[in-house]
N, C-alpha and C. Protein backbone atom coordinates (compact mmCIF):
# COMPACT_ATOMS: atom_id res chain seq x y z
N MET A 1 98.36 20.33 -58.89
CA MET A 1 97.11 20.66 -59.63
C MET A 1 97.17 22.08 -60.12
N ARG A 2 96.72 22.32 -61.30
CA ARG A 2 96.74 23.65 -61.88
C ARG A 2 95.34 24.17 -62.06
N PHE A 3 95.15 25.43 -62.18
CA PHE A 3 93.82 26.04 -62.15
C PHE A 3 93.63 27.06 -63.26
N ALA A 4 92.39 27.16 -63.78
CA ALA A 4 92.09 27.95 -64.96
C ALA A 4 92.17 29.43 -64.72
N GLY A 5 92.68 30.22 -65.71
CA GLY A 5 92.79 31.65 -65.57
C GLY A 5 92.04 32.39 -66.64
N CYS A 6 91.22 33.35 -66.28
CA CYS A 6 90.43 34.19 -67.19
C CYS A 6 90.20 35.54 -66.56
N THR A 7 89.34 36.35 -67.15
CA THR A 7 89.00 37.68 -66.62
C THR A 7 87.80 37.64 -65.69
N LEU A 8 87.70 38.66 -64.89
CA LEU A 8 86.63 38.73 -63.87
C LEU A 8 85.41 39.37 -64.47
N ILE A 9 84.25 38.69 -64.28
CA ILE A 9 82.99 39.27 -64.72
C ILE A 9 82.14 39.43 -63.49
N LEU A 10 81.85 40.66 -63.14
CA LEU A 10 81.11 40.93 -61.90
C LEU A 10 79.62 40.93 -62.18
N ALA A 11 78.85 40.32 -61.28
CA ALA A 11 77.39 40.35 -61.41
C ALA A 11 76.85 41.65 -60.88
N ALA A 12 75.66 41.96 -61.35
CA ALA A 12 75.01 43.18 -60.88
C ALA A 12 74.62 43.03 -59.43
N LEU A 13 74.75 44.11 -58.68
CA LEU A 13 74.39 44.10 -57.27
C LEU A 13 73.03 44.76 -57.10
N LEU A 14 72.42 44.53 -55.96
CA LEU A 14 71.14 45.17 -55.67
C LEU A 14 71.30 46.68 -55.63
N PRO A 15 70.38 47.40 -56.19
CA PRO A 15 70.48 48.86 -56.12
C PRO A 15 70.39 49.34 -54.68
N PHE A 16 71.18 50.35 -54.35
CA PHE A 16 71.19 50.90 -53.00
C PHE A 16 70.12 51.96 -52.88
N GLU A 17 69.23 51.79 -51.91
CA GLU A 17 68.12 52.72 -51.73
C GLU A 17 68.37 53.53 -50.48
N PRO A 18 68.85 54.76 -50.58
CA PRO A 18 69.10 55.56 -49.38
C PRO A 18 67.79 55.92 -48.69
N ALA A 19 67.90 56.13 -47.35
CA ALA A 19 66.71 56.55 -46.59
C ALA A 19 66.28 57.92 -47.07
N SER A 20 64.99 58.11 -47.20
CA SER A 20 64.48 59.39 -47.70
C SER A 20 63.55 60.01 -46.67
N ALA A 21 63.33 61.27 -46.86
CA ALA A 21 62.43 62.00 -45.96
C ALA A 21 61.00 61.55 -46.18
N ALA A 22 60.07 62.07 -45.39
CA ALA A 22 58.66 61.70 -45.53
C ALA A 22 58.18 62.01 -46.94
N PRO A 23 57.40 61.12 -47.54
CA PRO A 23 56.96 61.33 -48.94
C PRO A 23 56.11 62.59 -49.08
N ARG A 24 56.37 63.29 -50.19
CA ARG A 24 55.59 64.48 -50.48
C ARG A 24 54.23 64.09 -51.03
N PRO A 25 53.22 64.86 -50.73
CA PRO A 25 51.90 64.54 -51.31
C PRO A 25 51.94 64.70 -52.82
N ALA A 26 51.26 63.82 -53.51
CA ALA A 26 51.26 63.89 -54.97
C ALA A 26 50.57 65.18 -55.42
N ALA A 27 51.16 65.78 -56.46
CA ALA A 27 50.58 67.01 -57.00
C ALA A 27 49.19 66.73 -57.55
N GLN A 28 48.29 67.72 -57.36
CA GLN A 28 46.90 67.53 -57.79
C GLN A 28 46.86 67.30 -59.29
N GLY A 29 46.12 66.28 -59.68
CA GLY A 29 45.96 66.00 -61.10
C GLY A 29 47.02 65.07 -61.64
N LYS A 30 48.01 64.68 -60.81
CA LYS A 30 49.08 63.78 -61.27
C LYS A 30 48.97 62.47 -60.51
N ARG A 31 49.22 61.38 -61.19
CA ARG A 31 49.21 60.07 -60.56
C ARG A 31 50.55 59.83 -59.87
N PRO A 32 50.51 59.25 -58.66
CA PRO A 32 51.79 58.92 -58.00
C PRO A 32 52.55 57.87 -58.81
N ALA A 33 53.88 57.97 -58.77
CA ALA A 33 54.71 57.02 -59.53
C ALA A 33 54.53 55.62 -58.97
N ALA A 34 54.49 54.65 -59.87
CA ALA A 34 54.33 53.26 -59.45
C ALA A 34 55.59 52.79 -58.75
N ALA A 35 55.41 51.95 -57.72
CA ALA A 35 56.56 51.44 -56.97
C ALA A 35 57.41 50.56 -57.86
N ARG A 36 58.74 50.74 -57.77
CA ARG A 36 59.64 49.94 -58.58
C ARG A 36 59.75 48.55 -57.99
N PRO A 37 59.60 47.47 -58.79
CA PRO A 37 59.68 46.11 -58.25
C PRO A 37 61.08 45.82 -57.72
N GLU A 38 61.14 44.98 -56.70
CA GLU A 38 62.41 44.63 -56.08
C GLU A 38 63.29 43.87 -57.05
N ALA A 39 64.54 44.25 -57.12
CA ALA A 39 65.47 43.60 -58.04
C ALA A 39 65.82 42.22 -57.50
N VAL A 40 66.10 41.28 -58.43
CA VAL A 40 66.50 39.94 -58.07
C VAL A 40 68.00 39.81 -58.28
N ARG A 41 68.69 39.26 -57.27
CA ARG A 41 70.15 39.13 -57.38
C ARG A 41 70.48 37.94 -58.26
N PRO A 42 71.13 38.19 -59.40
CA PRO A 42 71.47 37.07 -60.28
C PRO A 42 72.69 36.33 -59.76
N ALA A 43 72.97 35.16 -60.37
CA ALA A 43 74.16 34.41 -60.00
C ALA A 43 75.40 35.19 -60.42
N THR A 44 76.46 35.07 -59.63
CA THR A 44 77.74 35.67 -59.96
C THR A 44 78.43 34.79 -60.99
N VAL A 45 78.84 35.38 -62.10
CA VAL A 45 79.53 34.64 -63.16
C VAL A 45 80.94 35.19 -63.28
N ARG A 46 81.94 34.32 -63.12
CA ARG A 46 83.32 34.77 -63.21
C ARG A 46 84.24 33.62 -63.56
N PRO A 47 85.46 33.94 -64.05
CA PRO A 47 86.41 32.88 -64.39
C PRO A 47 86.82 32.10 -63.15
N ALA A 48 87.16 30.83 -63.35
CA ALA A 48 87.46 29.96 -62.22
C ALA A 48 88.68 30.41 -61.44
N ASP A 49 89.67 31.01 -62.09
CA ASP A 49 90.89 31.36 -61.36
C ASP A 49 90.67 32.45 -60.33
N THR A 50 89.62 33.26 -60.48
CA THR A 50 89.38 34.32 -59.50
C THR A 50 88.90 33.76 -58.18
N ALA A 51 88.34 32.54 -58.17
CA ALA A 51 87.94 31.91 -56.91
C ALA A 51 89.15 31.70 -56.02
N VAL A 52 90.29 31.37 -56.63
CA VAL A 52 91.51 31.18 -55.86
C VAL A 52 92.04 32.52 -55.39
N ARG A 53 92.04 33.54 -56.27
CA ARG A 53 92.58 34.83 -55.90
C ARG A 53 91.76 35.49 -54.80
N ARG A 54 90.47 35.15 -54.69
CA ARG A 54 89.60 35.77 -53.70
C ARG A 54 89.58 35.02 -52.37
N GLY A 55 90.45 34.02 -52.21
CA GLY A 55 90.57 33.38 -50.90
C GLY A 55 89.96 32.00 -50.80
N THR A 56 89.29 31.51 -51.85
CA THR A 56 88.79 30.15 -51.81
C THR A 56 89.98 29.19 -51.84
N PRO A 57 90.01 28.14 -51.00
CA PRO A 57 91.13 27.21 -51.03
C PRO A 57 91.42 26.72 -52.44
N ALA A 58 92.72 26.64 -52.79
CA ALA A 58 93.10 26.28 -54.15
C ALA A 58 92.89 24.81 -54.44
N GLY A 59 93.11 23.94 -53.44
CA GLY A 59 92.98 22.51 -53.64
C GLY A 59 91.72 21.96 -53.02
N PRO A 60 91.55 20.62 -53.08
CA PRO A 60 90.37 20.01 -52.47
C PRO A 60 90.38 20.17 -50.96
N VAL A 61 89.21 20.27 -50.36
CA VAL A 61 89.07 20.43 -48.92
C VAL A 61 88.36 19.22 -48.34
N VAL A 62 88.54 19.00 -47.03
CA VAL A 62 87.87 17.88 -46.38
C VAL A 62 86.42 18.27 -46.08
N ASN A 63 85.54 17.30 -46.26
CA ASN A 63 84.10 17.51 -46.08
C ASN A 63 83.57 16.52 -45.05
N PRO A 64 82.36 16.71 -44.56
CA PRO A 64 81.76 15.69 -43.70
C PRO A 64 81.81 14.33 -44.39
N GLY A 65 82.25 13.32 -43.66
CA GLY A 65 82.43 11.99 -44.23
C GLY A 65 83.86 11.71 -44.66
N ALA A 66 84.71 12.73 -44.69
CA ALA A 66 86.11 12.54 -45.05
C ALA A 66 86.81 11.64 -44.02
N VAL A 67 87.77 10.85 -44.48
CA VAL A 67 88.53 9.95 -43.61
C VAL A 67 89.99 10.40 -43.63
N LEU A 68 90.54 10.68 -42.45
CA LEU A 68 91.90 11.22 -42.32
C LEU A 68 92.77 10.29 -41.49
N ASP A 69 94.02 10.09 -41.94
CA ASP A 69 95.05 9.45 -41.13
C ASP A 69 95.95 10.55 -40.58
N ILE A 70 96.10 10.60 -39.26
CA ILE A 70 96.81 11.72 -38.63
C ILE A 70 97.91 11.17 -37.72
N ALA A 71 99.11 11.72 -37.87
CA ALA A 71 100.24 11.37 -37.01
C ALA A 71 100.81 12.64 -36.40
N VAL A 72 101.15 12.56 -35.11
CA VAL A 72 101.67 13.72 -34.37
C VAL A 72 103.06 13.38 -33.84
N TYR A 73 104.04 14.23 -34.17
CA TYR A 73 105.41 14.04 -33.72
C TYR A 73 105.81 15.19 -32.81
N ALA A 74 106.61 14.88 -31.81
CA ALA A 74 107.18 15.89 -30.91
C ALA A 74 108.55 15.42 -30.46
N ALA A 75 109.52 16.32 -30.52
CA ALA A 75 110.91 16.00 -30.15
C ALA A 75 111.43 14.79 -30.91
N GLY A 76 111.01 14.68 -32.17
CA GLY A 76 111.49 13.60 -33.02
C GLY A 76 110.82 12.27 -32.79
N GLU A 77 109.87 12.18 -31.89
CA GLU A 77 109.19 10.93 -31.58
C GLU A 77 107.71 11.00 -31.98
N LYS A 78 107.19 9.85 -32.46
CA LYS A 78 105.76 9.79 -32.78
C LYS A 78 104.97 9.66 -31.48
N GLU A 79 104.15 10.66 -31.19
CA GLU A 79 103.40 10.68 -29.94
C GLU A 79 101.97 10.20 -30.11
N LEU A 80 101.37 10.47 -31.26
CA LEU A 80 99.99 10.07 -31.52
C LEU A 80 99.86 9.60 -32.96
N GLU A 81 99.00 8.63 -33.16
CA GLU A 81 98.64 8.21 -34.51
C GLU A 81 97.22 7.70 -34.46
N PHE A 82 96.34 8.28 -35.28
CA PHE A 82 94.94 7.88 -35.23
C PHE A 82 94.24 8.18 -36.55
N MET A 83 93.12 7.52 -36.75
CA MET A 83 92.28 7.77 -37.92
C MET A 83 91.04 8.51 -37.45
N ALA A 84 90.61 9.49 -38.22
CA ALA A 84 89.44 10.29 -37.84
C ALA A 84 88.51 10.45 -39.03
N THR A 85 87.22 10.35 -38.77
CA THR A 85 86.20 10.61 -39.80
C THR A 85 85.51 11.92 -39.46
N VAL A 86 85.40 12.79 -40.44
CA VAL A 86 84.80 14.10 -40.22
C VAL A 86 83.29 13.93 -40.03
N ALA A 87 82.80 14.42 -38.90
CA ALA A 87 81.38 14.29 -38.55
C ALA A 87 80.52 15.25 -39.38
N PRO A 88 79.20 15.06 -39.36
CA PRO A 88 78.31 15.97 -40.09
C PRO A 88 78.46 17.44 -39.69
N ASP A 89 78.91 17.70 -38.45
CA ASP A 89 79.12 19.10 -38.03
C ASP A 89 80.52 19.60 -38.35
N SER A 90 81.25 18.86 -39.22
CA SER A 90 82.58 19.25 -39.72
C SER A 90 83.69 19.14 -38.67
N THR A 91 83.49 18.35 -37.62
CA THR A 91 84.50 18.19 -36.58
C THR A 91 85.07 16.78 -36.59
N ILE A 92 86.26 16.64 -35.96
CA ILE A 92 86.83 15.32 -35.70
C ILE A 92 87.15 15.23 -34.21
N MET A 93 87.27 14.01 -33.70
CA MET A 93 87.65 13.79 -32.32
C MET A 93 89.16 13.59 -32.27
N VAL A 94 89.86 14.48 -31.56
CA VAL A 94 91.31 14.43 -31.44
C VAL A 94 91.66 13.95 -30.03
N PRO A 95 92.47 12.90 -29.90
CA PRO A 95 92.90 12.46 -28.57
C PRO A 95 93.52 13.62 -27.79
N LEU A 96 93.21 13.68 -26.52
CA LEU A 96 93.65 14.72 -25.59
C LEU A 96 92.89 16.02 -25.76
N ALA A 97 92.74 16.49 -27.00
CA ALA A 97 92.17 17.82 -27.26
C ALA A 97 90.66 17.82 -27.42
N GLY A 98 90.05 16.68 -27.75
CA GLY A 98 88.60 16.64 -27.95
C GLY A 98 88.21 17.03 -29.37
N THR A 99 86.98 17.51 -29.53
CA THR A 99 86.46 17.83 -30.87
C THR A 99 87.13 19.08 -31.42
N THR A 100 87.48 19.02 -32.72
CA THR A 100 88.13 20.13 -33.41
C THR A 100 87.51 20.27 -34.79
N ARG A 101 87.16 21.48 -35.16
CA ARG A 101 86.52 21.71 -36.46
C ARG A 101 87.56 21.74 -37.57
N VAL A 102 87.36 20.91 -38.60
CA VAL A 102 88.30 20.85 -39.72
C VAL A 102 87.61 20.91 -41.08
N GLY A 103 86.28 20.83 -41.11
CA GLY A 103 85.57 20.84 -42.37
C GLY A 103 85.83 22.12 -43.17
N GLY A 104 86.00 21.96 -44.49
CA GLY A 104 86.24 23.11 -45.36
C GLY A 104 87.70 23.52 -45.44
N LEU A 105 88.59 22.76 -44.81
CA LEU A 105 90.02 23.09 -44.82
C LEU A 105 90.79 22.14 -45.73
N GLU A 106 91.85 22.65 -46.35
CA GLU A 106 92.79 21.80 -47.07
C GLU A 106 93.57 20.96 -46.05
N PRO A 107 94.13 19.82 -46.45
CA PRO A 107 94.88 18.99 -45.50
C PRO A 107 96.00 19.75 -44.78
N SER A 108 96.72 20.60 -45.49
CA SER A 108 97.80 21.36 -44.84
C SER A 108 97.24 22.30 -43.77
N MET A 109 96.04 22.84 -44.01
CA MET A 109 95.42 23.72 -43.03
C MET A 109 94.90 22.93 -41.83
N VAL A 110 94.46 21.68 -42.07
CA VAL A 110 94.07 20.81 -40.96
C VAL A 110 95.27 20.56 -40.07
N ALA A 111 96.43 20.28 -40.69
CA ALA A 111 97.65 20.03 -39.91
C ALA A 111 98.02 21.25 -39.07
N GLN A 112 97.91 22.44 -39.66
CA GLN A 112 98.25 23.66 -38.92
C GLN A 112 97.31 23.86 -37.73
N ARG A 113 96.02 23.57 -37.94
CA ARG A 113 95.06 23.73 -36.85
C ARG A 113 95.35 22.76 -35.71
N LEU A 114 95.68 21.51 -36.06
CA LEU A 114 95.97 20.52 -35.02
C LEU A 114 97.28 20.84 -34.29
N GLN A 115 98.25 21.39 -35.01
CA GLN A 115 99.49 21.81 -34.36
C GLN A 115 99.20 22.87 -33.29
N LYS A 116 98.33 23.80 -33.63
CA LYS A 116 97.99 24.85 -32.67
C LYS A 116 97.22 24.28 -31.48
N VAL A 117 96.27 23.38 -31.74
CA VAL A 117 95.46 22.81 -30.67
C VAL A 117 96.31 21.96 -29.72
N LEU A 118 97.16 21.10 -30.30
CA LEU A 118 97.95 20.18 -29.48
C LEU A 118 99.19 20.85 -28.88
N GLY A 119 99.63 21.95 -29.48
CA GLY A 119 100.81 22.63 -28.97
C GLY A 119 100.53 23.51 -27.77
N GLY A 120 99.25 23.76 -27.50
CA GLY A 120 98.92 24.64 -26.38
C GLY A 120 99.23 24.04 -25.03
N ASP A 121 98.74 22.81 -24.77
CA ASP A 121 98.86 22.21 -23.44
C ASP A 121 99.47 20.81 -23.43
N TYR A 122 99.70 20.23 -24.59
CA TYR A 122 100.04 18.81 -24.61
C TYR A 122 101.45 18.50 -25.11
N PHE A 123 101.89 19.18 -26.16
CA PHE A 123 103.21 18.89 -26.73
C PHE A 123 103.95 20.20 -27.02
N VAL A 124 105.28 20.10 -27.05
CA VAL A 124 106.11 21.25 -27.38
C VAL A 124 106.43 21.21 -28.87
N ASN A 125 105.98 22.24 -29.59
CA ASN A 125 106.24 22.37 -31.02
C ASN A 125 105.93 21.09 -31.79
N PRO A 126 104.68 20.60 -31.70
CA PRO A 126 104.36 19.35 -32.40
C PRO A 126 104.32 19.54 -33.92
N GLN A 127 104.64 18.46 -34.62
CA GLN A 127 104.53 18.42 -36.07
C GLN A 127 103.44 17.42 -36.43
N VAL A 128 102.49 17.84 -37.26
CA VAL A 128 101.33 17.00 -37.58
C VAL A 128 101.33 16.66 -39.07
N LEU A 129 101.17 15.40 -39.37
CA LEU A 129 101.05 14.94 -40.75
C LEU A 129 99.62 14.44 -40.97
N VAL A 130 98.99 14.91 -42.05
CA VAL A 130 97.61 14.53 -42.36
C VAL A 130 97.58 13.89 -43.74
N ASN A 131 97.11 12.66 -43.80
CA ASN A 131 96.91 11.97 -45.07
C ASN A 131 95.41 11.73 -45.26
N VAL A 132 94.90 12.09 -46.42
CA VAL A 132 93.46 11.98 -46.69
C VAL A 132 93.17 10.69 -47.44
N ARG A 133 92.43 9.80 -46.79
CA ARG A 133 91.97 8.58 -47.48
C ARG A 133 90.82 8.88 -48.41
N ASP A 134 89.93 9.73 -47.94
CA ASP A 134 88.73 10.08 -48.72
C ASP A 134 88.31 11.47 -48.30
N TYR A 135 88.10 12.37 -49.28
CA TYR A 135 87.73 13.75 -48.96
C TYR A 135 86.27 13.89 -48.55
N GLY A 136 85.45 12.87 -48.79
CA GLY A 136 84.03 13.00 -48.49
C GLY A 136 83.36 13.92 -49.52
N GLY A 137 82.06 13.97 -49.50
CA GLY A 137 81.34 14.87 -50.40
C GLY A 137 81.07 14.25 -51.76
N ARG A 138 80.23 14.94 -52.53
CA ARG A 138 79.81 14.49 -53.84
C ARG A 138 79.79 15.66 -54.81
N VAL A 139 79.94 15.35 -56.10
CA VAL A 139 79.80 16.37 -57.15
C VAL A 139 78.86 15.82 -58.22
N LEU A 140 78.22 16.72 -58.94
CA LEU A 140 77.32 16.34 -60.03
C LEU A 140 77.96 16.73 -61.35
N VAL A 141 77.96 15.81 -62.30
CA VAL A 141 78.45 16.09 -63.66
C VAL A 141 77.27 15.94 -64.60
N SER A 142 76.97 17.00 -65.36
CA SER A 142 75.79 16.98 -66.22
C SER A 142 76.13 17.53 -67.60
N GLY A 143 75.19 17.33 -68.53
CA GLY A 143 75.36 17.85 -69.88
C GLY A 143 75.97 16.81 -70.80
N GLU A 144 76.85 17.27 -71.69
CA GLU A 144 77.38 16.42 -72.74
C GLU A 144 78.59 15.59 -72.28
N VAL A 145 78.30 14.66 -71.35
CA VAL A 145 79.27 13.65 -70.93
C VAL A 145 78.61 12.28 -71.12
N GLN A 146 79.43 11.24 -71.15
CA GLN A 146 78.89 9.91 -71.46
C GLN A 146 77.98 9.37 -70.36
N LYS A 147 78.34 9.66 -69.09
CA LYS A 147 77.57 9.11 -67.97
C LYS A 147 77.27 10.22 -66.96
N PRO A 148 76.30 11.09 -67.26
CA PRO A 148 75.95 12.14 -66.29
C PRO A 148 75.50 11.51 -64.97
N GLY A 149 75.86 12.17 -63.87
CA GLY A 149 75.43 11.63 -62.59
C GLY A 149 76.19 12.25 -61.43
N ILE A 150 75.99 11.68 -60.24
CA ILE A 150 76.63 12.14 -59.02
C ILE A 150 77.81 11.23 -58.71
N TYR A 151 78.95 11.83 -58.39
CA TYR A 151 80.18 11.06 -58.16
C TYR A 151 80.83 11.48 -56.84
N PRO A 152 81.44 10.51 -56.14
CA PRO A 152 82.11 10.84 -54.87
C PRO A 152 83.40 11.61 -55.11
N MET A 153 83.76 12.46 -54.16
CA MET A 153 85.01 13.21 -54.26
C MET A 153 86.23 12.29 -54.17
N GLY A 154 86.13 11.23 -53.36
CA GLY A 154 87.23 10.29 -53.25
C GLY A 154 88.53 10.98 -52.83
N GLN A 155 89.59 10.78 -53.61
CA GLN A 155 90.89 11.37 -53.32
C GLN A 155 90.98 12.82 -53.79
N GLY A 156 89.86 13.38 -54.21
CA GLY A 156 89.86 14.77 -54.70
C GLY A 156 89.64 14.80 -56.19
N LEU A 157 88.77 15.69 -56.64
CA LEU A 157 88.44 15.78 -58.05
C LEU A 157 88.69 17.19 -58.57
N SER A 158 89.13 17.27 -59.82
CA SER A 158 89.16 18.54 -60.54
C SER A 158 88.02 18.52 -61.55
N ALA A 159 87.80 19.64 -62.21
CA ALA A 159 86.71 19.70 -63.19
C ALA A 159 86.92 18.68 -64.30
N LEU A 160 88.16 18.57 -64.80
CA LEU A 160 88.42 17.63 -65.88
C LEU A 160 88.36 16.18 -65.40
N SER A 161 88.92 15.89 -64.23
CA SER A 161 88.89 14.51 -63.74
C SER A 161 87.47 14.05 -63.45
N ALA A 162 86.58 14.99 -63.07
CA ALA A 162 85.17 14.63 -62.88
C ALA A 162 84.53 14.24 -64.20
N VAL A 163 84.88 14.96 -65.27
CA VAL A 163 84.37 14.62 -66.60
C VAL A 163 84.89 13.24 -67.03
N VAL A 164 86.17 12.98 -66.76
CA VAL A 164 86.74 11.67 -67.09
C VAL A 164 86.02 10.57 -66.32
N LEU A 165 85.73 10.83 -65.04
CA LEU A 165 85.01 9.86 -64.22
C LEU A 165 83.61 9.60 -64.79
N ALA A 166 83.05 10.62 -65.43
CA ALA A 166 81.72 10.49 -66.04
C ALA A 166 81.79 9.95 -67.47
N GLY A 167 82.92 9.37 -67.84
CA GLY A 167 83.03 8.70 -69.14
C GLY A 167 83.58 9.56 -70.25
N GLY A 168 83.90 10.83 -69.96
CA GLY A 168 84.44 11.72 -70.99
C GLY A 168 83.37 12.48 -71.73
N PHE A 169 83.80 13.33 -72.65
CA PHE A 169 82.89 14.16 -73.43
C PHE A 169 82.17 13.34 -74.50
N THR A 170 80.96 13.78 -74.85
CA THR A 170 80.30 13.23 -76.02
C THR A 170 80.83 13.94 -77.27
N ASP A 171 80.42 13.46 -78.44
CA ASP A 171 80.86 14.08 -79.69
C ASP A 171 80.27 15.47 -79.88
N PHE A 172 79.26 15.80 -79.10
CA PHE A 172 78.58 17.09 -79.27
C PHE A 172 78.93 18.10 -78.17
N ALA A 173 79.92 17.78 -77.34
CA ALA A 173 80.26 18.64 -76.21
C ALA A 173 80.99 19.90 -76.66
N SER A 174 80.65 21.01 -76.03
CA SER A 174 81.39 22.26 -76.18
C SER A 174 82.27 22.41 -74.94
N ALA A 175 83.42 21.70 -74.94
CA ALA A 175 84.28 21.65 -73.76
C ALA A 175 84.78 23.03 -73.36
N GLY A 176 84.97 23.90 -74.34
CA GLY A 176 85.51 25.23 -74.06
C GLY A 176 84.55 26.13 -73.31
N LYS A 177 83.29 25.76 -73.24
CA LYS A 177 82.30 26.58 -72.55
C LYS A 177 81.76 25.90 -71.29
N SER A 178 82.55 25.02 -70.73
CA SER A 178 82.14 24.31 -69.52
C SER A 178 82.07 25.27 -68.34
N LYS A 179 81.28 24.89 -67.33
CA LYS A 179 81.08 25.72 -66.14
C LYS A 179 81.07 24.85 -64.90
N VAL A 180 81.48 25.45 -63.79
CA VAL A 180 81.31 24.84 -62.47
C VAL A 180 80.36 25.74 -61.69
N VAL A 181 79.24 25.18 -61.25
CA VAL A 181 78.24 25.93 -60.48
C VAL A 181 78.44 25.59 -59.01
N ARG A 182 78.59 26.62 -58.19
CA ARG A 182 78.93 26.44 -56.78
C ARG A 182 78.10 27.37 -55.90
N MET A 183 77.68 26.88 -54.74
CA MET A 183 77.04 27.72 -53.74
C MET A 183 78.11 28.23 -52.78
N ARG A 184 78.14 29.54 -52.58
CA ARG A 184 79.13 30.14 -51.68
C ARG A 184 78.46 31.26 -50.89
N ASN A 185 78.46 31.11 -49.57
CA ASN A 185 77.85 32.11 -48.70
C ASN A 185 76.40 32.38 -49.07
N GLY A 186 75.67 31.34 -49.44
CA GLY A 186 74.27 31.47 -49.77
C GLY A 186 73.97 32.00 -51.15
N ARG A 187 75.00 32.23 -51.97
CA ARG A 187 74.80 32.72 -53.32
C ARG A 187 75.36 31.74 -54.34
N THR A 188 74.80 31.75 -55.53
CA THR A 188 75.25 30.87 -56.59
C THR A 188 76.36 31.54 -57.39
N GLU A 189 77.46 30.82 -57.57
CA GLU A 189 78.55 31.28 -58.41
C GLU A 189 78.65 30.37 -59.63
N VAL A 190 78.87 30.97 -60.78
CA VAL A 190 79.11 30.21 -62.00
C VAL A 190 80.54 30.49 -62.43
N LEU A 191 81.39 29.47 -62.36
CA LEU A 191 82.81 29.62 -62.66
C LEU A 191 83.10 29.02 -64.04
N LYS A 192 83.61 29.85 -64.94
CA LYS A 192 83.86 29.40 -66.30
C LYS A 192 85.20 28.67 -66.38
N VAL A 193 85.17 27.45 -66.94
CA VAL A 193 86.38 26.64 -67.08
C VAL A 193 86.47 26.14 -68.51
N ASP A 194 87.52 26.51 -69.22
CA ASP A 194 87.73 26.06 -70.60
C ASP A 194 88.39 24.69 -70.56
N LEU A 195 87.57 23.64 -70.49
CA LEU A 195 88.12 22.30 -70.39
C LEU A 195 88.76 21.83 -71.69
N GLY A 196 88.44 22.50 -72.81
CA GLY A 196 89.13 22.19 -74.06
C GLY A 196 90.61 22.52 -73.95
N LYS A 197 90.93 23.70 -73.40
CA LYS A 197 92.32 24.10 -73.22
C LYS A 197 92.99 23.28 -72.12
N VAL A 198 92.22 22.96 -71.06
CA VAL A 198 92.78 22.13 -69.99
C VAL A 198 93.18 20.78 -70.55
N LEU A 199 92.35 20.20 -71.39
CA LEU A 199 92.62 18.89 -71.98
C LEU A 199 93.88 18.92 -72.84
N LYS A 200 94.15 20.06 -73.48
CA LYS A 200 95.34 20.20 -74.32
C LYS A 200 96.57 20.64 -73.54
N GLY A 201 96.41 20.88 -72.24
CA GLY A 201 97.52 21.34 -71.45
C GLY A 201 97.82 22.81 -71.62
N GLU A 202 96.87 23.57 -72.18
CA GLU A 202 97.08 24.99 -72.45
C GLU A 202 96.51 25.88 -71.35
N SER A 203 95.79 25.30 -70.40
CA SER A 203 95.20 26.08 -69.33
C SER A 203 95.16 25.23 -68.07
N GLN A 204 94.94 25.89 -66.93
CA GLN A 204 94.94 25.20 -65.64
C GLN A 204 93.58 24.59 -65.33
N ASP A 205 93.62 23.47 -64.64
CA ASP A 205 92.39 22.81 -64.20
C ASP A 205 91.89 23.48 -62.93
N PHE A 206 90.73 23.04 -62.44
CA PHE A 206 90.10 23.69 -61.30
C PHE A 206 89.63 22.65 -60.30
N ALA A 207 90.05 22.79 -59.03
CA ALA A 207 89.68 21.83 -57.98
C ALA A 207 88.22 22.00 -57.59
N LEU A 208 87.52 20.88 -57.47
CA LEU A 208 86.11 20.90 -57.09
C LEU A 208 85.95 20.80 -55.58
N ARG A 209 84.76 21.20 -55.13
CA ARG A 209 84.41 21.11 -53.72
C ARG A 209 83.07 20.38 -53.60
N ASP A 210 82.78 19.91 -52.41
CA ASP A 210 81.54 19.19 -52.17
C ASP A 210 80.33 20.01 -52.63
N GLY A 211 79.45 19.38 -53.41
CA GLY A 211 78.24 20.05 -53.87
C GLY A 211 78.40 20.78 -55.19
N ASP A 212 79.61 20.85 -55.75
CA ASP A 212 79.80 21.51 -57.04
C ASP A 212 79.06 20.77 -58.14
N ARG A 213 78.69 21.50 -59.18
CA ARG A 213 78.06 20.91 -60.36
C ARG A 213 78.86 21.30 -61.60
N VAL A 214 79.36 20.32 -62.32
CA VAL A 214 80.10 20.56 -63.57
C VAL A 214 79.12 20.44 -64.72
N GLU A 215 79.01 21.49 -65.52
CA GLU A 215 78.08 21.49 -66.65
C GLU A 215 78.86 21.61 -67.96
N VAL A 216 78.62 20.68 -68.85
CA VAL A 216 79.25 20.70 -70.17
C VAL A 216 78.14 20.91 -71.20
N PRO A 217 78.09 22.09 -71.83
CA PRO A 217 76.99 22.38 -72.76
C PRO A 217 77.16 21.68 -74.10
N ARG A 218 76.08 21.64 -74.87
CA ARG A 218 76.09 21.10 -76.22
C ARG A 218 76.54 22.17 -77.18
N ARG A 219 77.41 21.84 -78.10
CA ARG A 219 77.89 22.85 -79.04
C ARG A 219 76.84 23.15 -80.08
N LEU A 220 76.87 24.38 -80.57
CA LEU A 220 75.94 24.82 -81.60
C LEU A 220 76.58 24.66 -82.97
N PHE A 221 75.81 24.17 -83.93
CA PHE A 221 76.34 23.97 -85.28
C PHE A 221 75.94 25.14 -86.17
């Protein structure tokens, strides 16, 4: 999977208000200055490729409801094989080890976590293979697509594949100005994705995560 590259656009931050000494009495005959209203933090708007550079997983991640097939090998022998469904608290039940948190991780990171958990007391240098049947989670596709709506992540969705799942662009779509809206650490991020270039193979696509919203605006004539 390939991912879109653009420039970074930083949102304005809250103004920093240093602690001040006790307020001076207003000069006689002058009105005290009106209190400045509290600033509102706007959504962060930036190109989609910076999400990867800033540490967001590059590919799809497992979400609550995801279904995983897991095999554990040690000394060349298959020691464990089981299916696990990610619980609402982002954990799975692992034989021998108990509950282990895996939500929000890519499959390769899930394997690394299980290797560490099972290698501590149960197996010597275990190798873990993780196959994802279903990533769990949902995404919303809105705007100028044929069938706007909510779609399951399934085997993993990119911004363009979500649009294809929604029936493709309408004749009035401005694919080059598409956006992915995402909540991250309690803040809204708007990630710009030029799906026109992605469709032509001129730019990288962008992996979606549970709760993402793909917006395709209407072009202006």
